[in-house]
Amino acid sequence: MTVNMTKGQAINLQKSDGGTLTAVRMGLGWQAAPRRGLFGSRTREIDLDASAVLFADKQPVDVVFFRHLVSDDGSVKHTGDNLVGGAGSGGDDEAILVDLQRVPVHIDQIVFTVNSFTGQTFQEVQNAFCRIVDETNGQELARYTLDGGGQYTAQIMAKVHRAGSGWKMTALGNPANGRTFQDLMPSILPHL
């Protein structure tokens, strides 16, 4: 059963049977919003990029994004860059796989961001979401849907963080501006 998350909500990441999750996928989907023009509505392709920044004691130690597809330790993998979107409320346009058992013990938080590399704002995006899927069986565990657009080019979507012997996910959904994860670092730090 999927939990539809609200901004700021945190959930424990565990299997539906109560067991411990071993591998999750953070999926990202979006569609270009139709724009009204003189000759009707049309859409432009939107290139959003998903990134995962790995933190140890509030310090960034690694990042996974379209130019660095695998973390240095191999525990986090990006499936590849999607330049146009289109999945919207369906499947994932971009995904980042996290092998929770392989994440080094010093990594205590993984923050997921999405940004428009081409600088288009979220006013041009619709049906954007991120979701956590149990990668061992494909079951969606949690979904956070972005409501409305805005004059920003990025979102600090969610974070997965250690909680005792397990992990929690917190939906953040904070707007930011920047074309890359580096540009977003000042917006990420208050959420650690």
N, C-alpha and C. Protein backbone atom coordinates (compact mmCIF):
# COMPACT_ATOMS: atom_id res chain seq x y z
N MET A 1 0.84 -1.17 0.00
CA MET A 1 0.00 0.00 0.00
C MET A 1 0.89 1.24 0.00
N THR A 2 0.59 2.16 -0.88
CA THR A 2 1.36 3.39 -1.01
C THR A 2 0.91 4.42 0.00
N VAL A 3 1.87 5.12 0.60
CA VAL A 3 1.57 6.26 1.46
C VAL A 3 1.73 7.50 0.60
N ASN A 4 0.67 8.29 0.46
CA ASN A 4 0.76 9.57 -0.24
C ASN A 4 1.21 10.60 0.78
N MET A 5 2.43 11.08 0.61
CA MET A 5 3.05 11.94 1.61
C MET A 5 2.73 13.41 1.39
N THR A 6 2.76 14.14 2.49
CA THR A 6 2.63 15.58 2.45
C THR A 6 3.97 16.19 2.83
N LYS A 7 4.16 17.45 2.47
CA LYS A 7 5.41 18.13 2.75
C LYS A 7 5.73 18.05 4.24
N GLY A 8 6.96 17.63 4.56
CA GLY A 8 7.41 17.52 5.94
C GLY A 8 7.10 16.19 6.61
N GLN A 9 6.27 15.36 5.98
CA GLN A 9 5.91 14.07 6.57
C GLN A 9 7.07 13.09 6.47
N ALA A 10 7.27 12.31 7.52
CA ALA A 10 8.31 11.28 7.54
C ALA A 10 7.66 9.92 7.76
N ILE A 11 8.19 8.90 7.09
CA ILE A 11 7.71 7.53 7.29
C ILE A 11 8.91 6.62 7.45
N ASN A 12 8.72 5.54 8.21
CA ASN A 12 9.73 4.51 8.31
C ASN A 12 9.73 3.70 7.03
N LEU A 13 10.89 3.40 6.52
CA LEU A 13 10.99 2.59 5.32
C LEU A 13 11.13 1.13 5.74
N GLN A 14 10.08 0.39 5.49
CA GLN A 14 10.10 -1.03 5.77
C GLN A 14 9.18 -1.74 4.80
N LYS A 15 9.37 -3.03 4.65
CA LYS A 15 8.54 -3.82 3.75
C LYS A 15 7.11 -3.87 4.30
N SER A 16 6.17 -4.20 3.43
CA SER A 16 4.78 -4.29 3.85
C SER A 16 4.57 -5.33 4.94
N ASP A 17 5.45 -6.35 5.01
CA ASP A 17 5.34 -7.37 6.05
C ASP A 17 6.08 -6.97 7.33
N GLY A 18 6.61 -5.73 7.36
CA GLY A 18 7.30 -5.25 8.55
C GLY A 18 8.79 -5.51 8.53
N GLY A 19 9.28 -6.25 7.53
CA GLY A 19 10.71 -6.54 7.44
C GLY A 19 11.52 -5.33 7.01
N THR A 20 12.82 -5.49 7.04
CA THR A 20 13.73 -4.41 6.70
C THR A 20 13.93 -4.33 5.20
N LEU A 21 13.88 -3.12 4.67
CA LEU A 21 14.16 -2.92 3.26
C LEU A 21 15.65 -3.06 3.00
N THR A 22 15.99 -3.64 1.85
CA THR A 22 17.38 -3.79 1.49
C THR A 22 17.77 -2.91 0.31
N ALA A 23 16.82 -2.64 -0.58
CA ALA A 23 17.11 -1.83 -1.77
C ALA A 23 15.86 -1.04 -2.15
N VAL A 24 16.03 0.24 -2.43
CA VAL A 24 14.91 1.09 -2.83
C VAL A 24 15.27 1.85 -4.10
N ARG A 25 14.23 2.27 -4.78
CA ARG A 25 14.39 3.12 -5.96
C ARG A 25 13.64 4.42 -5.69
N MET A 26 14.35 5.53 -5.86
CA MET A 26 13.70 6.84 -5.81
C MET A 26 13.39 7.18 -7.25
N GLY A 27 12.12 7.14 -7.60
CA GLY A 27 11.70 7.44 -8.96
C GLY A 27 11.21 8.86 -9.07
N LEU A 28 11.44 9.47 -10.21
CA LEU A 28 11.02 10.84 -10.49
C LEU A 28 10.27 10.84 -11.81
N GLY A 29 9.11 11.47 -11.83
CA GLY A 29 8.34 11.59 -13.07
C GLY A 29 7.82 13.00 -13.24
N TRP A 30 7.60 13.41 -14.48
CA TRP A 30 7.07 14.74 -14.75
C TRP A 30 6.55 14.80 -16.18
N GLN A 31 5.76 15.81 -16.45
CA GLN A 31 5.30 16.11 -17.79
C GLN A 31 5.44 17.61 -18.03
N ALA A 32 5.57 17.98 -19.28
CA ALA A 32 5.57 19.39 -19.64
C ALA A 32 4.13 19.89 -19.58
N ALA A 33 3.94 21.03 -18.97
CA ALA A 33 2.61 21.63 -18.89
C ALA A 33 2.28 22.30 -20.22
N PRO A 34 1.04 22.14 -20.71
CA PRO A 34 0.68 22.82 -21.94
C PRO A 34 0.70 24.33 -21.75
N ARG A 35 1.17 25.02 -22.76
CA ARG A 35 1.20 26.48 -22.72
C ARG A 35 0.21 27.00 -23.74
N ARG A 36 -0.58 27.96 -23.32
CA ARG A 36 -1.56 28.54 -24.22
C ARG A 36 -0.87 29.60 -25.07
N GLY A 37 -1.14 29.52 -26.34
CA GLY A 37 -0.57 30.49 -27.27
C GLY A 37 -1.64 31.01 -28.20
N LEU A 38 -1.23 31.76 -29.16
CA LEU A 38 -2.14 32.38 -30.12
C LEU A 38 -2.89 31.32 -30.91
N PHE A 39 -2.23 30.19 -31.19
CA PHE A 39 -2.84 29.15 -32.01
C PHE A 39 -3.20 27.91 -31.20
N GLY A 40 -3.57 28.07 -29.94
CA GLY A 40 -3.94 26.95 -29.08
C GLY A 40 -2.83 26.63 -28.10
N SER A 41 -2.95 25.46 -27.48
CA SER A 41 -1.94 25.10 -26.49
C SER A 41 -0.89 24.17 -27.11
N ARG A 42 0.31 24.25 -26.57
CA ARG A 42 1.41 23.40 -27.01
C ARG A 42 2.30 23.11 -25.81
N THR A 43 3.16 22.13 -25.95
CA THR A 43 4.09 21.82 -24.87
C THR A 43 5.52 21.87 -25.38
N ARG A 44 6.43 22.20 -24.47
CA ARG A 44 7.86 22.14 -24.76
C ARG A 44 8.44 21.00 -23.94
N GLU A 45 9.49 20.40 -24.46
CA GLU A 45 10.15 19.35 -23.70
C GLU A 45 10.81 19.98 -22.47
N ILE A 46 10.76 19.26 -21.35
CA ILE A 46 11.34 19.72 -20.10
C ILE A 46 12.41 18.72 -19.68
N ASP A 47 13.61 19.20 -19.45
CA ASP A 47 14.71 18.35 -19.00
C ASP A 47 14.95 18.58 -17.51
N LEU A 48 14.39 17.69 -16.68
CA LEU A 48 14.66 17.73 -15.25
C LEU A 48 15.72 16.69 -14.93
N ASP A 49 16.52 16.96 -13.94
CA ASP A 49 17.59 16.04 -13.55
C ASP A 49 17.48 15.68 -12.08
N ALA A 50 17.49 14.39 -11.81
CA ALA A 50 17.46 13.89 -10.44
C ALA A 50 18.90 13.71 -9.95
N SER A 51 19.12 14.06 -8.70
CA SER A 51 20.43 13.88 -8.07
C SER A 51 20.24 13.34 -6.66
N ALA A 52 21.24 12.65 -6.16
CA ALA A 52 21.26 12.18 -4.77
C ALA A 52 22.58 12.62 -4.16
N VAL A 53 22.49 13.41 -3.10
CA VAL A 53 23.69 13.88 -2.42
C VAL A 53 23.81 13.10 -1.12
N LEU A 54 24.95 12.44 -0.92
CA LEU A 54 25.19 11.62 0.25
C LEU A 54 25.93 12.44 1.29
N PHE A 55 25.41 12.44 2.52
CA PHE A 55 25.99 13.23 3.60
C PHE A 55 26.45 12.34 4.74
N ALA A 56 27.54 12.77 5.37
CA ALA A 56 28.04 12.17 6.60
C ALA A 56 28.20 13.30 7.59
N ASP A 57 27.44 13.27 8.67
CA ASP A 57 27.51 14.31 9.69
C ASP A 57 27.41 15.72 9.08
N LYS A 58 26.39 15.89 8.23
CA LYS A 58 26.04 17.17 7.59
C LYS A 58 27.07 17.67 6.59
N GLN A 59 27.99 16.80 6.19
CA GLN A 59 28.99 17.17 5.18
C GLN A 59 28.76 16.33 3.92
N PRO A 60 28.69 16.96 2.74
CA PRO A 60 28.53 16.17 1.51
C PRO A 60 29.80 15.37 1.24
N VAL A 61 29.63 14.06 0.98
CA VAL A 61 30.79 13.21 0.73
C VAL A 61 30.76 12.56 -0.66
N ASP A 62 29.60 12.56 -1.31
CA ASP A 62 29.49 11.97 -2.64
C ASP A 62 28.19 12.45 -3.26
N VAL A 63 28.07 12.30 -4.56
CA VAL A 63 26.85 12.68 -5.26
C VAL A 63 26.66 11.75 -6.46
N VAL A 64 25.39 11.47 -6.74
CA VAL A 64 25.04 10.68 -7.92
C VAL A 64 24.11 11.55 -8.76
N PHE A 65 24.48 11.74 -10.03
CA PHE A 65 23.67 12.53 -10.95
C PHE A 65 24.04 12.10 -12.37
N PHE A 66 23.49 12.78 -13.38
CA PHE A 66 23.64 12.30 -14.76
C PHE A 66 25.09 12.27 -15.26
N ARG A 67 26.01 12.97 -14.61
CA ARG A 67 27.41 12.92 -15.02
C ARG A 67 28.28 12.05 -14.12
N HIS A 68 27.71 11.54 -13.04
CA HIS A 68 28.40 10.62 -12.12
C HIS A 68 27.33 9.62 -11.67
N LEU A 69 27.15 8.56 -12.48
CA LEU A 69 26.00 7.67 -12.33
C LEU A 69 26.08 6.70 -11.17
N VAL A 70 27.26 6.50 -10.59
CA VAL A 70 27.40 5.54 -9.49
C VAL A 70 28.23 6.18 -8.38
N SER A 71 27.76 6.04 -7.13
CA SER A 71 28.53 6.57 -6.00
C SER A 71 29.87 5.85 -5.93
N ASP A 72 30.83 6.49 -5.31
CA ASP A 72 32.18 5.92 -5.23
C ASP A 72 32.19 4.55 -4.57
N ASP A 73 31.28 4.30 -3.62
CA ASP A 73 31.22 3.00 -2.95
C ASP A 73 30.31 2.01 -3.67
N GLY A 74 29.58 2.44 -4.71
CA GLY A 74 28.73 1.55 -5.49
C GLY A 74 27.34 1.32 -4.91
N SER A 75 26.99 1.96 -3.81
CA SER A 75 25.70 1.70 -3.16
C SER A 75 24.53 2.48 -3.77
N VAL A 76 24.82 3.56 -4.51
CA VAL A 76 23.78 4.40 -5.10
C VAL A 76 24.05 4.51 -6.59
N LYS A 77 23.01 4.26 -7.42
CA LYS A 77 23.18 4.27 -8.87
C LYS A 77 22.05 5.03 -9.54
N HIS A 78 22.40 5.89 -10.47
CA HIS A 78 21.45 6.63 -11.31
C HIS A 78 21.24 5.81 -12.57
N THR A 79 19.99 5.66 -13.02
CA THR A 79 19.71 4.82 -14.18
C THR A 79 19.92 5.53 -15.51
N GLY A 80 20.16 6.84 -15.50
CA GLY A 80 20.42 7.56 -16.74
C GLY A 80 19.57 8.80 -16.89
N ASP A 81 20.01 9.68 -17.76
CA ASP A 81 19.39 10.98 -17.95
C ASP A 81 18.23 10.90 -18.92
N ASN A 82 17.08 11.46 -18.55
CA ASN A 82 15.92 11.59 -19.43
C ASN A 82 15.81 13.07 -19.76
N LEU A 83 15.85 13.40 -21.04
CA LEU A 83 15.89 14.79 -21.46
C LEU A 83 14.53 15.42 -21.71
N VAL A 84 13.44 14.61 -21.66
CA VAL A 84 12.14 15.16 -22.04
C VAL A 84 11.01 14.89 -21.05
N GLY A 85 11.16 13.94 -20.14
CA GLY A 85 10.07 13.62 -19.21
C GLY A 85 8.94 12.92 -19.94
N GLY A 86 7.75 12.98 -19.34
CA GLY A 86 6.59 12.41 -19.99
C GLY A 86 5.84 11.37 -19.20
N ALA A 87 6.48 10.78 -18.17
CA ALA A 87 5.78 9.74 -17.41
C ALA A 87 4.66 10.33 -16.56
N GLY A 88 4.89 11.50 -16.00
CA GLY A 88 3.86 12.14 -15.18
C GLY A 88 3.38 11.25 -14.08
N SER A 89 2.10 10.95 -14.04
CA SER A 89 1.56 10.15 -12.94
C SER A 89 1.78 8.66 -13.14
N GLY A 90 2.44 8.26 -14.19
CA GLY A 90 2.71 6.85 -14.45
C GLY A 90 4.04 6.40 -13.90
N GLY A 91 4.90 5.89 -14.76
CA GLY A 91 6.19 5.36 -14.34
C GLY A 91 7.22 6.44 -14.11
N ASP A 92 8.46 6.02 -13.96
CA ASP A 92 9.55 6.94 -13.64
C ASP A 92 10.24 7.42 -14.91
N ASP A 93 10.57 8.71 -14.95
CA ASP A 93 11.38 9.25 -16.03
C ASP A 93 12.86 9.10 -15.70
N GLU A 94 13.22 9.31 -14.46
CA GLU A 94 14.57 9.07 -13.98
C GLU A 94 14.46 8.33 -12.66
N ALA A 95 15.46 7.53 -12.35
CA ALA A 95 15.44 6.78 -11.10
C ALA A 95 16.85 6.68 -10.52
N ILE A 96 16.89 6.64 -9.21
CA ILE A 96 18.14 6.44 -8.48
C ILE A 96 17.93 5.25 -7.56
N LEU A 97 18.78 4.24 -7.71
CA LEU A 97 18.69 3.01 -6.93
C LEU A 97 19.63 3.11 -5.74
N VAL A 98 19.12 2.71 -4.57
CA VAL A 98 19.92 2.76 -3.35
C VAL A 98 19.91 1.37 -2.71
N ASP A 99 21.09 0.77 -2.62
CA ASP A 99 21.26 -0.50 -1.93
C ASP A 99 21.53 -0.15 -0.46
N LEU A 100 20.49 -0.15 0.34
CA LEU A 100 20.58 0.31 1.73
C LEU A 100 21.58 -0.49 2.54
N GLN A 101 21.76 -1.76 2.23
CA GLN A 101 22.70 -2.59 2.97
C GLN A 101 24.16 -2.24 2.65
N ARG A 102 24.39 -1.64 1.48
CA ARG A 102 25.76 -1.31 1.07
C ARG A 102 26.14 0.13 1.38
N VAL A 103 25.16 0.96 1.76
CA VAL A 103 25.49 2.35 2.08
C VAL A 103 26.44 2.33 3.28
N PRO A 104 27.61 2.93 3.15
CA PRO A 104 28.57 2.91 4.26
C PRO A 104 27.96 3.49 5.53
N VAL A 105 28.36 2.95 6.66
CA VAL A 105 27.78 3.31 7.94
C VAL A 105 27.94 4.80 8.27
N HIS A 106 28.97 5.46 7.74
CA HIS A 106 29.16 6.88 8.04
C HIS A 106 28.19 7.78 7.26
N ILE A 107 27.58 7.26 6.20
CA ILE A 107 26.58 8.03 5.44
C ILE A 107 25.28 7.98 6.24
N ASP A 108 24.81 9.14 6.71
CA ASP A 108 23.60 9.14 7.53
C ASP A 108 22.39 9.76 6.85
N GLN A 109 22.59 10.45 5.71
CA GLN A 109 21.47 11.04 4.99
C GLN A 109 21.77 11.05 3.50
N ILE A 110 20.73 10.82 2.72
CA ILE A 110 20.82 10.94 1.27
C ILE A 110 19.68 11.88 0.86
N VAL A 111 20.04 13.02 0.28
CA VAL A 111 19.05 14.02 -0.11
C VAL A 111 18.85 13.95 -1.62
N PHE A 112 17.58 13.86 -2.02
CA PHE A 112 17.22 13.77 -3.43
C PHE A 112 16.73 15.12 -3.91
N THR A 113 17.31 15.57 -5.01
CA THR A 113 16.92 16.85 -5.58
C THR A 113 16.51 16.66 -7.04
N VAL A 114 15.82 17.65 -7.55
CA VAL A 114 15.51 17.70 -8.97
C VAL A 114 15.70 19.14 -9.41
N ASN A 115 16.34 19.30 -10.56
CA ASN A 115 16.57 20.65 -11.05
C ASN A 115 16.41 20.67 -12.57
N SER A 116 16.12 21.85 -13.07
CA SER A 116 16.01 22.07 -14.51
C SER A 116 17.35 22.57 -15.01
N PHE A 117 18.08 21.69 -15.67
CA PHE A 117 19.41 22.04 -16.16
C PHE A 117 19.33 23.16 -17.19
N THR A 118 18.23 23.21 -17.95
CA THR A 118 18.06 24.21 -18.99
C THR A 118 17.47 25.51 -18.46
N GLY A 119 17.12 25.54 -17.16
CA GLY A 119 16.64 26.76 -16.54
C GLY A 119 15.15 27.01 -16.66
N GLN A 120 14.39 26.05 -17.17
CA GLN A 120 12.94 26.21 -17.23
C GLN A 120 12.39 26.15 -15.81
N THR A 121 11.33 26.90 -15.55
CA THR A 121 10.76 26.91 -14.20
C THR A 121 9.70 25.82 -14.05
N PHE A 122 9.32 25.57 -12.81
CA PHE A 122 8.31 24.56 -12.53
C PHE A 122 6.91 25.00 -12.96
N GLN A 123 6.77 26.26 -13.41
CA GLN A 123 5.50 26.67 -14.01
C GLN A 123 5.27 25.91 -15.30
N GLU A 124 6.34 25.40 -15.89
CA GLU A 124 6.24 24.66 -17.15
C GLU A 124 6.15 23.15 -16.94
N VAL A 125 5.99 22.74 -15.69
CA VAL A 125 5.96 21.32 -15.35
C VAL A 125 4.63 20.97 -14.72
N GLN A 126 4.11 19.77 -15.01
CA GLN A 126 2.91 19.29 -14.34
C GLN A 126 3.10 17.80 -14.01
N ASN A 127 2.26 17.32 -13.13
CA ASN A 127 2.27 15.90 -12.73
C ASN A 127 3.64 15.43 -12.26
N ALA A 128 4.37 16.28 -11.57
CA ALA A 128 5.69 15.89 -11.07
C ALA A 128 5.56 15.17 -9.74
N PHE A 129 6.36 14.12 -9.56
CA PHE A 129 6.32 13.34 -8.33
C PHE A 129 7.67 12.70 -8.08
N CYS A 130 7.88 12.31 -6.84
CA CYS A 130 8.96 11.38 -6.53
C CYS A 130 8.33 10.27 -5.71
N ARG A 131 8.90 9.10 -5.80
CA ARG A 131 8.35 7.95 -5.08
C ARG A 131 9.47 7.02 -4.66
N ILE A 132 9.19 6.29 -3.60
CA ILE A 132 10.11 5.25 -3.12
C ILE A 132 9.46 3.91 -3.43
N VAL A 133 10.24 3.04 -4.07
CA VAL A 133 9.77 1.72 -4.45
C VAL A 133 10.70 0.68 -3.82
N ASP A 134 10.12 -0.39 -3.27
CA ASP A 134 10.91 -1.53 -2.80
C ASP A 134 11.48 -2.21 -4.04
N GLU A 135 12.75 -2.09 -4.27
CA GLU A 135 13.35 -2.58 -5.50
C GLU A 135 13.35 -4.10 -5.59
N THR A 136 13.17 -4.79 -4.47
CA THR A 136 13.17 -6.25 -4.51
C THR A 136 11.88 -6.82 -5.08
N ASN A 137 10.75 -6.08 -4.95
CA ASN A 137 9.49 -6.60 -5.46
C ASN A 137 8.68 -5.60 -6.30
N GLY A 138 9.20 -4.38 -6.47
CA GLY A 138 8.52 -3.39 -7.29
C GLY A 138 7.35 -2.68 -6.63
N GLN A 139 7.13 -2.93 -5.34
CA GLN A 139 6.00 -2.31 -4.64
C GLN A 139 6.31 -0.86 -4.28
N GLU A 140 5.41 0.05 -4.68
CA GLU A 140 5.56 1.45 -4.31
C GLU A 140 5.21 1.60 -2.83
N LEU A 141 6.11 2.25 -2.09
CA LEU A 141 5.92 2.42 -0.65
C LEU A 141 5.42 3.81 -0.31
N ALA A 142 5.94 4.82 -1.00
CA ALA A 142 5.57 6.20 -0.69
C ALA A 142 5.67 7.04 -1.96
N ARG A 143 4.80 8.04 -2.03
CA ARG A 143 4.79 8.95 -3.17
C ARG A 143 4.58 10.36 -2.66
N TYR A 144 5.38 11.28 -3.20
CA TYR A 144 5.22 12.69 -2.89
C TYR A 144 4.97 13.41 -4.20
N THR A 145 3.80 14.03 -4.31
CA THR A 145 3.40 14.72 -5.53
C THR A 145 3.62 16.22 -5.34
N LEU A 146 4.26 16.83 -6.33
CA LEU A 146 4.48 18.28 -6.30
C LEU A 146 3.20 18.98 -6.72
N ASP A 147 2.73 19.88 -5.90
CA ASP A 147 1.53 20.63 -6.23
C ASP A 147 1.90 21.96 -6.86
N GLY A 148 1.28 22.23 -8.01
CA GLY A 148 1.44 23.54 -8.64
C GLY A 148 2.86 23.83 -9.09
N GLY A 149 2.99 24.84 -9.91
CA GLY A 149 4.29 25.25 -10.40
C GLY A 149 4.73 26.52 -9.72
N GLY A 150 5.87 26.99 -10.08
CA GLY A 150 6.35 28.21 -9.48
C GLY A 150 7.52 28.76 -10.26
N GLN A 151 7.99 29.91 -9.87
CA GLN A 151 9.10 30.59 -10.54
C GLN A 151 10.44 30.09 -10.01
N TYR A 152 10.58 28.82 -9.80
CA TYR A 152 11.83 28.25 -9.33
C TYR A 152 12.25 27.15 -10.30
N THR A 153 13.53 26.83 -10.28
CA THR A 153 14.07 25.87 -11.24
C THR A 153 14.48 24.55 -10.61
N ALA A 154 14.20 24.39 -9.32
CA ALA A 154 14.64 23.16 -8.64
C ALA A 154 13.74 22.89 -7.43
N GLN A 155 13.85 21.66 -6.94
CA GLN A 155 13.15 21.25 -5.72
C GLN A 155 14.09 20.37 -4.91
N ILE A 156 14.11 20.60 -3.60
CA ILE A 156 14.74 19.66 -2.68
C ILE A 156 13.60 18.70 -2.35
N MET A 157 13.58 17.53 -2.99
CA MET A 157 12.42 16.65 -2.99
C MET A 157 12.21 15.91 -1.67
N ALA A 158 13.22 15.15 -1.28
CA ALA A 158 13.05 14.26 -0.13
C ALA A 158 14.42 13.85 0.38
N LYS A 159 14.42 13.27 1.57
CA LYS A 159 15.67 12.70 2.07
C LYS A 159 15.36 11.35 2.69
N VAL A 160 16.35 10.48 2.59
CA VAL A 160 16.32 9.18 3.26
C VAL A 160 17.41 9.28 4.32
N HIS A 161 17.07 8.98 5.55
CA HIS A 161 18.03 9.15 6.63
C HIS A 161 17.94 7.99 7.61
N ARG A 162 19.07 7.74 8.26
CA ARG A 162 19.12 6.64 9.22
C ARG A 162 18.26 6.97 10.43
N ALA A 163 17.58 5.94 10.93
CA ALA A 163 16.76 6.06 12.14
C ALA A 163 16.94 4.76 12.91
N GLY A 164 17.83 4.78 13.88
CA GLY A 164 18.14 3.55 14.61
C GLY A 164 18.82 2.57 13.67
N SER A 165 18.28 1.36 13.58
CA SER A 165 18.86 0.35 12.70
C SER A 165 18.23 0.36 11.31
N GLY A 166 17.25 1.25 11.09
CA GLY A 166 16.58 1.31 9.79
C GLY A 166 16.74 2.68 9.13
N TRP A 167 15.83 2.96 8.22
CA TRP A 167 15.86 4.20 7.46
C TRP A 167 14.47 4.83 7.48
N LYS A 168 14.42 6.15 7.37
CA LYS A 168 13.18 6.90 7.22
C LYS A 168 13.26 7.74 5.96
N MET A 169 12.09 8.05 5.40
CA MET A 169 12.02 8.99 4.29
C MET A 169 11.23 10.19 4.78
N THR A 170 11.71 11.39 4.47
CA THR A 170 11.00 12.62 4.78
C THR A 170 10.77 13.37 3.48
N ALA A 171 9.51 13.71 3.20
CA ALA A 171 9.18 14.52 2.03
C ALA A 171 9.51 15.97 2.36
N LEU A 172 10.31 16.60 1.53
CA LEU A 172 10.72 17.98 1.77
C LEU A 172 9.97 18.96 0.87
N GLY A 173 10.05 18.75 -0.43
CA GLY A 173 9.30 19.57 -1.38
C GLY A 173 9.57 21.05 -1.29
N ASN A 174 10.81 21.43 -1.04
CA ASN A 174 11.13 22.85 -0.93
C ASN A 174 11.65 23.39 -2.25
N PRO A 175 11.06 24.49 -2.73
CA PRO A 175 11.53 25.09 -3.97
C PRO A 175 12.90 25.72 -3.78
N ALA A 176 13.65 25.74 -4.86
CA ALA A 176 14.99 26.34 -4.85
C ALA A 176 15.30 26.80 -6.27
N ASN A 177 16.41 27.43 -6.44
CA ASN A 177 16.86 27.85 -7.76
C ASN A 177 18.26 27.35 -8.00
N GLY A 178 18.46 26.82 -9.18
CA GLY A 178 19.77 26.32 -9.56
C GLY A 178 19.65 25.33 -10.70
N ARG A 179 20.69 25.24 -11.49
CA ARG A 179 20.71 24.33 -12.63
C ARG A 179 21.37 22.99 -12.30
N THR A 180 22.13 22.95 -11.19
CA THR A 180 22.84 21.73 -10.81
C THR A 180 22.71 21.51 -9.30
N PHE A 181 23.08 20.32 -8.86
CA PHE A 181 23.03 20.04 -7.42
C PHE A 181 23.97 20.97 -6.66
N GLN A 182 25.09 21.37 -7.27
CA GLN A 182 26.02 22.29 -6.58
C GLN A 182 25.32 23.61 -6.26
N ASP A 183 24.52 24.10 -7.19
CA ASP A 183 23.78 25.35 -6.97
C ASP A 183 22.80 25.22 -5.80
N LEU A 184 22.35 24.00 -5.52
CA LEU A 184 21.32 23.76 -4.52
C LEU A 184 21.85 23.56 -3.11
N MET A 185 23.15 23.42 -2.95
CA MET A 185 23.72 23.12 -1.64
C MET A 185 23.26 24.09 -0.55
N PRO A 186 23.22 25.39 -0.76
CA PRO A 186 22.74 26.29 0.31
C PRO A 186 21.27 26.02 0.69
N SER A 187 20.49 25.51 -0.25
CA SER A 187 19.08 25.18 0.05
C SER A 187 18.93 23.82 0.71
N ILE A 188 19.88 22.93 0.50
CA ILE A 188 19.84 21.59 1.10
C ILE A 188 20.22 21.63 2.57
N LEU A 189 21.26 22.36 2.91
CA LEU A 189 21.86 22.33 4.25
C LEU A 189 20.86 22.55 5.39
N PRO A 190 19.87 23.43 5.28
CA PRO A 190 18.92 23.60 6.40
C PRO A 190 18.06 22.35 6.66
N HIS A 191 18.04 21.39 5.76
CA HIS A 191 17.20 20.20 5.92
C HIS A 191 17.94 19.01 6.50
N LEU A 192 19.20 19.20 6.86
CA LEU A 192 19.99 18.08 7.38
C LEU A 192 19.82 17.93 8.87
